[in-house]
Structures are given as structure tokens and as C-alpha cells.
Amino acid sequence: IVEHETATAAGLTMIPLEAGVFIFSNIAGILVSKFGKYRPYIFAGTSTTVVGIGLCIVLASTSSKAIQVVILFVCGVGTGPLFTCLIVAIQVAVERKDIATVSALQTLFRTTGAGFGIAINGALFQNQLRNSLAQTAVPNEYAQMAIS
């Protein structure tokens, strides 16, 4: 809405994020298999994710598409290794007979946390958006689409 783009264009904007996740989760998996170490990739992934999120905070509606692509790719680069390496870390921490259980629990908690996070942040965002739109220069038709 801010950039007056369609939902399809907004979805296409997320491709760099997903590309970073896909590429670097696979690279991390290969490196963990080759070297047997997972902690460095967890720390590097977390650090890179923090940098990427920090860069997202400074994005503005006037930021170019190239900058958006780079920042979203950085977020994906950081997030990707975490998907692979955190499950390895959890599986290494338990006995062999408990691997299936902890893997299932990790997936349950990750998806449940994501669901709650999306719901809570969505509600906060929608409330703030509704309260702030009246004070902006966004055309009324876009404002109504945003709050409905």
C-alpha cells in the first residue's frame, strides 16, 4: 500500500529473502556434514539475522528496490543456517531414542511460536496502522483497503 503496488509485486519482493534462506540453509547443511561443527553457523546466522533486521528498520518508502533486495537477502542469509543447524543442535543434545521426539517438538514449538508471533504482531500492526493512516498522505482508497 505504501508503495502503491499489487499483492503480486509485494510477494515478488520477498523472493530475495526466500532465496537467501534456501541457498544458505543448504550451504550450512553441507558444511555441518563435512566438518561436523554446527555452533559457528548458529552464531553467524544469528548475527547476520540481527544485522538484516537492523537494516530493515532503516528502510524507508523512498528506498530503492535494489536496497530492499539486498537487505532482504541479508535476512535470508542469516535465517537459512538457523533452520538447518538448530535442528542438528537439538538432535545432538539427546539420546538416539529421543531424536524423533525432540525433532517433532522443535517443529511444533517453531510453528506455534510463528503463529502466535504473526497473530500478535499483525494485531499490533493493524491497530497502529488504523490509528496512523488518518495523519498520512495516503489516498483514502488505499487507507480503506489497508484497514479492512
N, C-alpha and C. Protein backbone atom coordinates (compact mmCIF):
# COMPACT_ATOMS: atom_id res chain seq x y z
N ILE A 1 0.84 -1.20 0.00
CA ILE A 1 0.00 0.00 0.00
C ILE A 1 0.87 1.25 0.00
N VAL A 2 1.93 1.24 0.81
CA VAL A 2 2.81 2.40 0.90
C VAL A 2 3.44 2.71 -0.46
N GLU A 3 3.81 1.67 -1.17
CA GLU A 3 4.46 1.86 -2.47
C GLU A 3 3.48 1.76 -3.63
N HIS A 4 2.20 1.64 -3.35
CA HIS A 4 1.16 1.56 -4.37
C HIS A 4 1.40 0.39 -5.33
N GLU A 5 1.74 -0.76 -4.76
CA GLU A 5 2.00 -1.95 -5.57
C GLU A 5 0.93 -3.00 -5.32
N THR A 6 0.85 -3.95 -6.22
CA THR A 6 -0.11 -5.04 -6.08
C THR A 6 0.42 -6.07 -5.08
N ALA A 7 -0.46 -6.98 -4.68
CA ALA A 7 -0.05 -8.07 -3.78
C ALA A 7 0.98 -8.96 -4.47
N THR A 8 0.84 -9.14 -5.77
CA THR A 8 1.80 -9.95 -6.51
C THR A 8 3.19 -9.32 -6.47
N ALA A 9 3.25 -8.03 -6.67
CA ALA A 9 4.55 -7.33 -6.61
C ALA A 9 5.15 -7.42 -5.21
N ALA A 10 4.31 -7.33 -4.19
CA ALA A 10 4.80 -7.47 -2.81
C ALA A 10 5.33 -8.87 -2.57
N GLY A 11 4.65 -9.88 -3.11
CA GLY A 11 5.13 -11.24 -2.98
C GLY A 11 6.44 -11.46 -3.69
N LEU A 12 6.58 -10.88 -4.87
CA LEU A 12 7.83 -11.00 -5.63
C LEU A 12 8.99 -10.32 -4.91
N THR A 13 8.67 -9.30 -4.13
CA THR A 13 9.70 -8.61 -3.36
C THR A 13 10.32 -9.54 -2.31
N MET A 14 9.58 -10.55 -1.88
CA MET A 14 10.07 -11.48 -0.85
C MET A 14 10.98 -12.57 -1.41
N ILE A 15 11.11 -12.67 -2.72
CA ILE A 15 11.95 -13.71 -3.32
C ILE A 15 13.40 -13.65 -2.83
N PRO A 16 14.03 -12.48 -2.70
CA PRO A 16 15.41 -12.47 -2.20
C PRO A 16 15.54 -13.07 -0.80
N LEU A 17 14.57 -12.81 0.05
CA LEU A 17 14.59 -13.40 1.40
C LEU A 17 14.56 -14.92 1.31
N GLU A 18 13.62 -15.43 0.55
CA GLU A 18 13.49 -16.88 0.43
C GLU A 18 14.68 -17.51 -0.28
N ALA A 19 15.25 -16.79 -1.25
CA ALA A 19 16.45 -17.29 -1.93
C ALA A 19 17.61 -17.40 -0.96
N GLY A 20 17.77 -16.39 -0.11
CA GLY A 20 18.83 -16.44 0.91
C GLY A 20 18.64 -17.60 1.87
N VAL A 21 17.41 -17.81 2.31
CA VAL A 21 17.12 -18.93 3.21
C VAL A 21 17.43 -20.25 2.52
N PHE A 22 16.95 -20.43 1.31
CA PHE A 22 17.15 -21.68 0.57
C PHE A 22 18.63 -21.96 0.34
N ILE A 23 19.34 -21.00 -0.19
CA ILE A 23 20.75 -21.21 -0.53
C ILE A 23 21.58 -21.46 0.72
N PHE A 24 21.43 -20.63 1.74
CA PHE A 24 22.31 -20.73 2.90
C PHE A 24 21.91 -21.82 3.88
N SER A 25 20.67 -22.27 3.87
CA SER A 25 20.34 -23.43 4.69
C SER A 25 20.99 -24.67 4.08
N ASN A 26 21.02 -24.75 2.76
CA ASN A 26 21.70 -25.87 2.11
C ASN A 26 23.21 -25.82 2.29
N ILE A 27 23.79 -24.63 2.17
CA ILE A 27 25.23 -24.49 2.38
C ILE A 27 25.59 -24.88 3.80
N ALA A 28 24.82 -24.41 4.78
CA ALA A 28 25.09 -24.74 6.18
C ALA A 28 24.98 -26.25 6.40
N GLY A 29 23.98 -26.88 5.80
CA GLY A 29 23.83 -28.32 5.94
C GLY A 29 25.02 -29.07 5.38
N ILE A 30 25.51 -28.64 4.23
CA ILE A 30 26.68 -29.27 3.63
C ILE A 30 27.91 -29.08 4.51
N LEU A 31 28.09 -27.86 5.03
CA LEU A 31 29.26 -27.59 5.87
C LEU A 31 29.20 -28.35 7.19
N VAL A 32 28.02 -28.47 7.77
CA VAL A 32 27.88 -29.24 9.01
C VAL A 32 28.20 -30.70 8.74
N SER A 33 27.73 -31.23 7.63
CA SER A 33 28.02 -32.62 7.28
C SER A 33 29.50 -32.83 7.04
N LYS A 34 30.15 -31.87 6.42
CA LYS A 34 31.56 -32.01 6.07
C LYS A 34 32.49 -31.85 7.28
N PHE A 35 32.22 -30.84 8.11
CA PHE A 35 33.12 -30.53 9.21
C PHE A 35 32.63 -30.98 10.58
N GLY A 36 31.36 -31.32 10.70
CA GLY A 36 30.83 -31.80 11.97
C GLY A 36 30.62 -30.73 13.02
N LYS A 37 30.71 -29.49 12.67
CA LYS A 37 30.51 -28.38 13.61
C LYS A 37 29.26 -27.61 13.21
N TYR A 38 28.44 -27.27 14.18
CA TYR A 38 27.22 -26.52 13.88
C TYR A 38 27.15 -25.18 14.61
N ARG A 39 27.86 -25.06 15.73
CA ARG A 39 27.77 -23.83 16.52
C ARG A 39 28.23 -22.58 15.78
N PRO A 40 29.33 -22.64 15.03
CA PRO A 40 29.73 -21.40 14.32
C PRO A 40 28.66 -20.90 13.36
N TYR A 41 27.93 -21.81 12.75
CA TYR A 41 26.89 -21.41 11.80
C TYR A 41 25.67 -20.85 12.51
N ILE A 42 25.41 -21.34 13.72
CA ILE A 42 24.31 -20.77 14.52
C ILE A 42 24.67 -19.34 14.92
N PHE A 43 25.89 -19.12 15.40
CA PHE A 43 26.30 -17.78 15.80
C PHE A 43 26.36 -16.83 14.61
N ALA A 44 26.92 -17.30 13.50
CA ALA A 44 27.00 -16.46 12.30
C ALA A 44 25.60 -16.15 11.75
N GLY A 45 24.73 -17.15 11.75
CA GLY A 45 23.36 -16.94 11.28
C GLY A 45 22.60 -15.96 12.14
N THR A 46 22.74 -16.11 13.44
CA THR A 46 22.06 -15.19 14.36
C THR A 46 22.57 -13.77 14.18
N SER A 47 23.89 -13.62 14.10
CA SER A 47 24.49 -12.29 13.92
C SER A 47 24.04 -11.65 12.61
N THR A 48 24.04 -12.44 11.54
CA THR A 48 23.63 -11.91 10.24
C THR A 48 22.15 -11.55 10.23
N THR A 49 21.34 -12.35 10.91
CA THR A 49 19.91 -12.04 11.00
C THR A 49 19.69 -10.73 11.75
N VAL A 50 20.42 -10.53 12.84
CA VAL A 50 20.30 -9.28 13.61
C VAL A 50 20.69 -8.09 12.73
N VAL A 51 21.77 -8.23 11.98
CA VAL A 51 22.18 -7.15 11.07
C VAL A 51 21.09 -6.89 10.02
N GLY A 52 20.55 -7.97 9.45
CA GLY A 52 19.50 -7.83 8.44
C GLY A 52 18.26 -7.15 8.99
N ILE A 53 17.85 -7.53 10.19
CA ILE A 53 16.67 -6.91 10.80
C ILE A 53 16.96 -5.45 11.12
N GLY A 54 18.18 -5.16 11.57
CA GLY A 54 18.57 -3.77 11.81
C GLY A 54 18.50 -2.95 10.54
N LEU A 55 18.93 -3.55 9.43
CA LEU A 55 18.84 -2.85 8.15
C LEU A 55 17.39 -2.66 7.71
N CYS A 56 16.52 -3.62 8.03
CA CYS A 56 15.09 -3.48 7.71
C CYS A 56 14.48 -2.29 8.44
N ILE A 57 14.96 -2.03 9.63
CA ILE A 57 14.42 -0.92 10.42
C ILE A 57 14.68 0.41 9.74
N VAL A 58 15.82 0.53 9.03
CA VAL A 58 16.15 1.81 8.40
C VAL A 58 15.56 1.95 6.99
N LEU A 59 14.86 0.92 6.51
CA LEU A 59 14.21 1.04 5.21
C LEU A 59 13.15 2.14 5.25
N ALA A 60 13.03 2.84 4.17
CA ALA A 60 12.03 3.89 4.06
C ALA A 60 11.23 3.67 2.78
N SER A 61 10.13 4.34 2.65
CA SER A 61 9.33 4.20 1.44
C SER A 61 10.07 4.73 0.22
N THR A 62 11.11 5.51 0.44
CA THR A 62 11.90 6.04 -0.66
C THR A 62 13.10 5.16 -1.00
N SER A 63 13.30 4.07 -0.26
CA SER A 63 14.43 3.17 -0.53
C SER A 63 14.24 2.51 -1.88
N SER A 64 15.34 2.36 -2.60
CA SER A 64 15.25 1.75 -3.93
C SER A 64 14.99 0.25 -3.82
N LYS A 65 14.50 -0.32 -4.90
CA LYS A 65 14.25 -1.77 -4.94
C LYS A 65 15.55 -2.55 -4.74
N ALA A 66 16.66 -2.04 -5.27
CA ALA A 66 17.95 -2.73 -5.13
C ALA A 66 18.34 -2.83 -3.66
N ILE A 67 18.14 -1.76 -2.92
CA ILE A 67 18.47 -1.78 -1.48
C ILE A 67 17.54 -2.75 -0.75
N GLN A 68 16.27 -2.76 -1.09
CA GLN A 68 15.33 -3.69 -0.48
C GLN A 68 15.74 -5.13 -0.75
N VAL A 69 16.14 -5.41 -1.99
CA VAL A 69 16.55 -6.77 -2.36
C VAL A 69 17.76 -7.19 -1.55
N VAL A 70 18.75 -6.32 -1.44
CA VAL A 70 19.97 -6.65 -0.70
C VAL A 70 19.66 -6.89 0.78
N ILE A 71 18.87 -6.03 1.37
CA ILE A 71 18.56 -6.17 2.80
C ILE A 71 17.77 -7.45 3.06
N LEU A 72 16.79 -7.75 2.23
CA LEU A 72 16.02 -8.98 2.41
C LEU A 72 16.90 -10.21 2.19
N PHE A 73 17.83 -10.14 1.25
CA PHE A 73 18.74 -11.25 1.03
C PHE A 73 19.63 -11.47 2.25
N VAL A 74 20.10 -10.38 2.87
CA VAL A 74 20.91 -10.49 4.09
C VAL A 74 20.11 -11.18 5.20
N CYS A 75 18.84 -10.83 5.34
CA CYS A 75 17.98 -11.50 6.33
C CYS A 75 17.89 -12.99 6.04
N GLY A 76 17.73 -13.36 4.78
CA GLY A 76 17.65 -14.77 4.40
C GLY A 76 18.96 -15.50 4.62
N VAL A 77 20.08 -14.82 4.34
CA VAL A 77 21.40 -15.42 4.57
C VAL A 77 21.58 -15.76 6.04
N GLY A 78 21.07 -14.92 6.91
CA GLY A 78 21.19 -15.20 8.35
C GLY A 78 20.21 -16.25 8.84
N THR A 79 19.02 -16.21 8.32
CA THR A 79 17.98 -17.13 8.79
C THR A 79 18.19 -18.55 8.27
N GLY A 80 18.68 -18.69 7.07
CA GLY A 80 18.84 -20.01 6.45
C GLY A 80 19.62 -21.01 7.28
N PRO A 81 20.83 -20.66 7.73
CA PRO A 81 21.60 -21.63 8.54
C PRO A 81 20.92 -22.00 9.85
N LEU A 82 20.09 -21.12 10.37
CA LEU A 82 19.43 -21.42 11.63
C LEU A 82 18.44 -22.57 11.49
N PHE A 83 17.75 -22.65 10.36
CA PHE A 83 16.82 -23.76 10.14
C PHE A 83 17.54 -25.10 10.21
N THR A 84 18.68 -25.17 9.54
CA THR A 84 19.41 -26.43 9.47
C THR A 84 20.14 -26.73 10.78
N CYS A 85 20.87 -25.75 11.28
CA CYS A 85 21.77 -26.01 12.40
C CYS A 85 21.07 -26.16 13.75
N LEU A 86 19.95 -25.48 13.94
CA LEU A 86 19.26 -25.62 15.22
C LEU A 86 18.68 -27.02 15.40
N ILE A 87 18.19 -27.61 14.34
CA ILE A 87 17.66 -28.98 14.46
C ILE A 87 18.80 -29.95 14.74
N VAL A 88 19.96 -29.71 14.13
CA VAL A 88 21.14 -30.56 14.41
C VAL A 88 21.54 -30.41 15.87
N ALA A 89 21.57 -29.18 16.36
CA ALA A 89 21.95 -28.94 17.76
C ALA A 89 21.00 -29.64 18.72
N ILE A 90 19.73 -29.61 18.42
CA ILE A 90 18.75 -30.26 19.29
C ILE A 90 18.92 -31.77 19.25
N GLN A 91 19.15 -32.32 18.07
CA GLN A 91 19.29 -33.77 17.95
C GLN A 91 20.57 -34.28 18.60
N VAL A 92 21.63 -33.48 18.57
CA VAL A 92 22.89 -33.88 19.19
C VAL A 92 22.77 -33.90 20.72
N ALA A 93 21.90 -33.08 21.26
CA ALA A 93 21.79 -32.92 22.71
C ALA A 93 21.02 -34.04 23.40
N VAL A 94 20.40 -34.95 22.64
CA VAL A 94 19.59 -36.01 23.26
C VAL A 94 20.09 -37.39 22.84
N GLU A 95 19.61 -38.39 23.56
CA GLU A 95 19.94 -39.76 23.20
C GLU A 95 19.27 -40.13 21.88
N ARG A 96 19.81 -41.14 21.24
CA ARG A 96 19.33 -41.56 19.92
C ARG A 96 17.83 -41.90 19.94
N LYS A 97 17.36 -42.52 21.01
CA LYS A 97 15.95 -42.92 21.08
C LYS A 97 14.99 -41.74 21.16
N ASP A 98 15.50 -40.55 21.52
CA ASP A 98 14.65 -39.37 21.67
C ASP A 98 14.72 -38.40 20.49
N ILE A 99 15.49 -38.74 19.47
CA ILE A 99 15.68 -37.82 18.34
C ILE A 99 14.35 -37.49 17.65
N ALA A 100 13.53 -38.48 17.39
CA ALA A 100 12.26 -38.23 16.71
C ALA A 100 11.35 -37.32 17.55
N THR A 101 11.35 -37.56 18.85
CA THR A 101 10.50 -36.76 19.74
C THR A 101 10.94 -35.31 19.77
N VAL A 102 12.24 -35.06 19.95
CA VAL A 102 12.70 -33.67 20.02
C VAL A 102 12.58 -32.97 18.66
N SER A 103 12.72 -33.73 17.58
CA SER A 103 12.55 -33.12 16.25
C SER A 103 11.10 -32.67 16.07
N ALA A 104 10.17 -33.51 16.47
CA ALA A 104 8.76 -33.16 16.37
C ALA A 104 8.42 -31.98 17.29
N LEU A 105 8.97 -31.98 18.50
CA LEU A 105 8.71 -30.88 19.43
C LEU A 105 9.29 -29.57 18.92
N GLN A 106 10.47 -29.64 18.32
CA GLN A 106 11.08 -28.43 17.76
C GLN A 106 10.20 -27.85 16.67
N THR A 107 9.69 -28.69 15.82
CA THR A 107 8.80 -28.23 14.75
C THR A 107 7.50 -27.68 15.33
N LEU A 108 6.95 -28.37 16.32
CA LEU A 108 5.72 -27.89 16.97
C LEU A 108 5.93 -26.52 17.58
N PHE A 109 7.00 -26.35 18.35
CA PHE A 109 7.23 -25.07 19.02
C PHE A 109 7.56 -23.96 18.02
N ARG A 110 8.30 -24.29 16.96
CA ARG A 110 8.64 -23.28 15.97
C ARG A 110 7.38 -22.80 15.25
N THR A 111 6.52 -23.72 14.84
CA THR A 111 5.31 -23.31 14.11
C THR A 111 4.29 -22.64 15.04
N THR A 112 4.18 -23.13 16.26
CA THR A 112 3.27 -22.49 17.21
C THR A 112 3.76 -21.08 17.54
N GLY A 113 5.06 -20.94 17.78
CA GLY A 113 5.62 -19.61 18.05
C GLY A 113 5.44 -18.67 16.87
N ALA A 114 5.63 -19.20 15.67
CA ALA A 114 5.43 -18.37 14.48
C ALA A 114 3.97 -17.94 14.37
N GLY A 115 3.07 -18.84 14.64
CA GLY A 115 1.65 -18.50 14.57
C GLY A 115 1.27 -17.42 15.57
N PHE A 116 1.72 -17.58 16.81
CA PHE A 116 1.44 -16.56 17.82
C PHE A 116 2.13 -15.25 17.48
N GLY A 117 3.37 -15.33 17.02
CA GLY A 117 4.11 -14.12 16.66
C GLY A 117 3.43 -13.35 15.55
N ILE A 118 2.98 -14.07 14.54
CA ILE A 118 2.29 -13.42 13.42
C ILE A 118 0.97 -12.81 13.89
N ALA A 119 0.22 -13.54 14.71
CA ALA A 119 -1.07 -13.03 15.18
C ALA A 119 -0.89 -11.79 16.05
N ILE A 120 0.03 -11.84 16.98
CA ILE A 120 0.23 -10.71 17.89
C ILE A 120 0.78 -9.50 17.14
N ASN A 121 1.82 -9.73 16.33
CA ASN A 121 2.38 -8.61 15.57
C ASN A 121 1.40 -8.07 14.55
N GLY A 122 0.60 -8.94 13.95
CA GLY A 122 -0.41 -8.47 13.00
C GLY A 122 -1.44 -7.60 13.67
N ALA A 123 -1.87 -7.99 14.86
CA ALA A 123 -2.86 -7.18 15.59
C ALA A 123 -2.27 -5.83 15.99
N LEU A 124 -1.04 -5.83 16.49
CA LEU A 124 -0.39 -4.58 16.86
C LEU A 124 -0.19 -3.67 15.64
N PHE A 125 0.26 -4.28 14.54
CA PHE A 125 0.48 -3.51 13.32
C PHE A 125 -0.82 -2.91 12.80
N GLN A 126 -1.86 -3.73 12.74
CA GLN A 126 -3.15 -3.26 12.22
C GLN A 126 -3.71 -2.14 13.08
N ASN A 127 -3.57 -2.27 14.39
CA ASN A 127 -4.05 -1.23 15.30
C ASN A 127 -3.28 0.07 15.09
N GLN A 128 -1.95 -0.03 15.00
CA GLN A 128 -1.14 1.17 14.78
C GLN A 128 -1.42 1.77 13.41
N LEU A 129 -1.60 0.92 12.41
CA LEU A 129 -1.90 1.40 11.07
C LEU A 129 -3.22 2.15 11.04
N ARG A 130 -4.23 1.58 11.65
CA ARG A 130 -5.55 2.22 11.68
C ARG A 130 -5.47 3.59 12.36
N ASN A 131 -4.70 3.68 13.44
CA ASN A 131 -4.59 4.94 14.17
C ASN A 131 -3.75 5.98 13.43
N SER A 132 -2.80 5.52 12.61
CA SER A 132 -1.86 6.44 11.97
C SER A 132 -2.25 6.86 10.56
N LEU A 133 -3.10 6.11 9.89
CA LEU A 133 -3.41 6.41 8.50
C LEU A 133 -4.08 7.77 8.31
N ALA A 134 -4.84 8.18 9.27
CA ALA A 134 -5.54 9.46 9.13
C ALA A 134 -4.56 10.63 9.07
N GLN A 135 -3.38 10.45 9.61
CA GLN A 135 -2.40 11.54 9.67
C GLN A 135 -1.42 11.51 8.49
N THR A 136 -1.61 10.63 7.54
CA THR A 136 -0.67 10.49 6.43
C THR A 136 -1.27 11.02 5.13
N ALA A 137 -0.43 11.02 4.11
CA ALA A 137 -0.86 11.49 2.79
C ALA A 137 -1.30 10.33 1.90
N VAL A 138 -1.56 9.17 2.50
CA VAL A 138 -2.00 8.01 1.73
C VAL A 138 -3.41 8.28 1.22
N PRO A 139 -3.65 8.07 -0.08
CA PRO A 139 -5.01 8.29 -0.61
C PRO A 139 -6.05 7.48 0.16
N ASN A 140 -7.24 8.03 0.29
CA ASN A 140 -8.30 7.42 1.09
C ASN A 140 -8.64 6.01 0.64
N GLU A 141 -8.65 5.75 -0.68
CA GLU A 141 -8.99 4.41 -1.17
C GLU A 141 -7.97 3.37 -0.70
N TYR A 142 -6.69 3.74 -0.65
CA TYR A 142 -5.67 2.81 -0.14
C TYR A 142 -5.80 2.63 1.36
N ALA A 143 -6.11 3.71 2.05
CA ALA A 143 -6.28 3.64 3.50
C ALA A 143 -7.42 2.69 3.86
N GLN A 144 -8.52 2.77 3.12
CA GLN A 144 -9.65 1.89 3.40
C GLN A 144 -9.31 0.43 3.11
N MET A 145 -8.53 0.19 2.05
CA MET A 145 -8.10 -1.20 1.75
C MET A 145 -7.22 -1.73 2.87
N ALA A 146 -6.39 -0.87 3.44
CA ALA A 146 -5.45 -1.32 4.46
C ALA A 146 -6.15 -1.72 5.75
N ILE A 147 -7.19 -1.01 6.11
CA ILE A 147 -7.83 -1.29 7.40
C ILE A 147 -8.98 -2.26 7.30
N SER A 148 -9.38 -2.65 6.12
CA SER A 148 -10.50 -3.58 6.00
C SER A 148 -10.03 -5.02 6.00
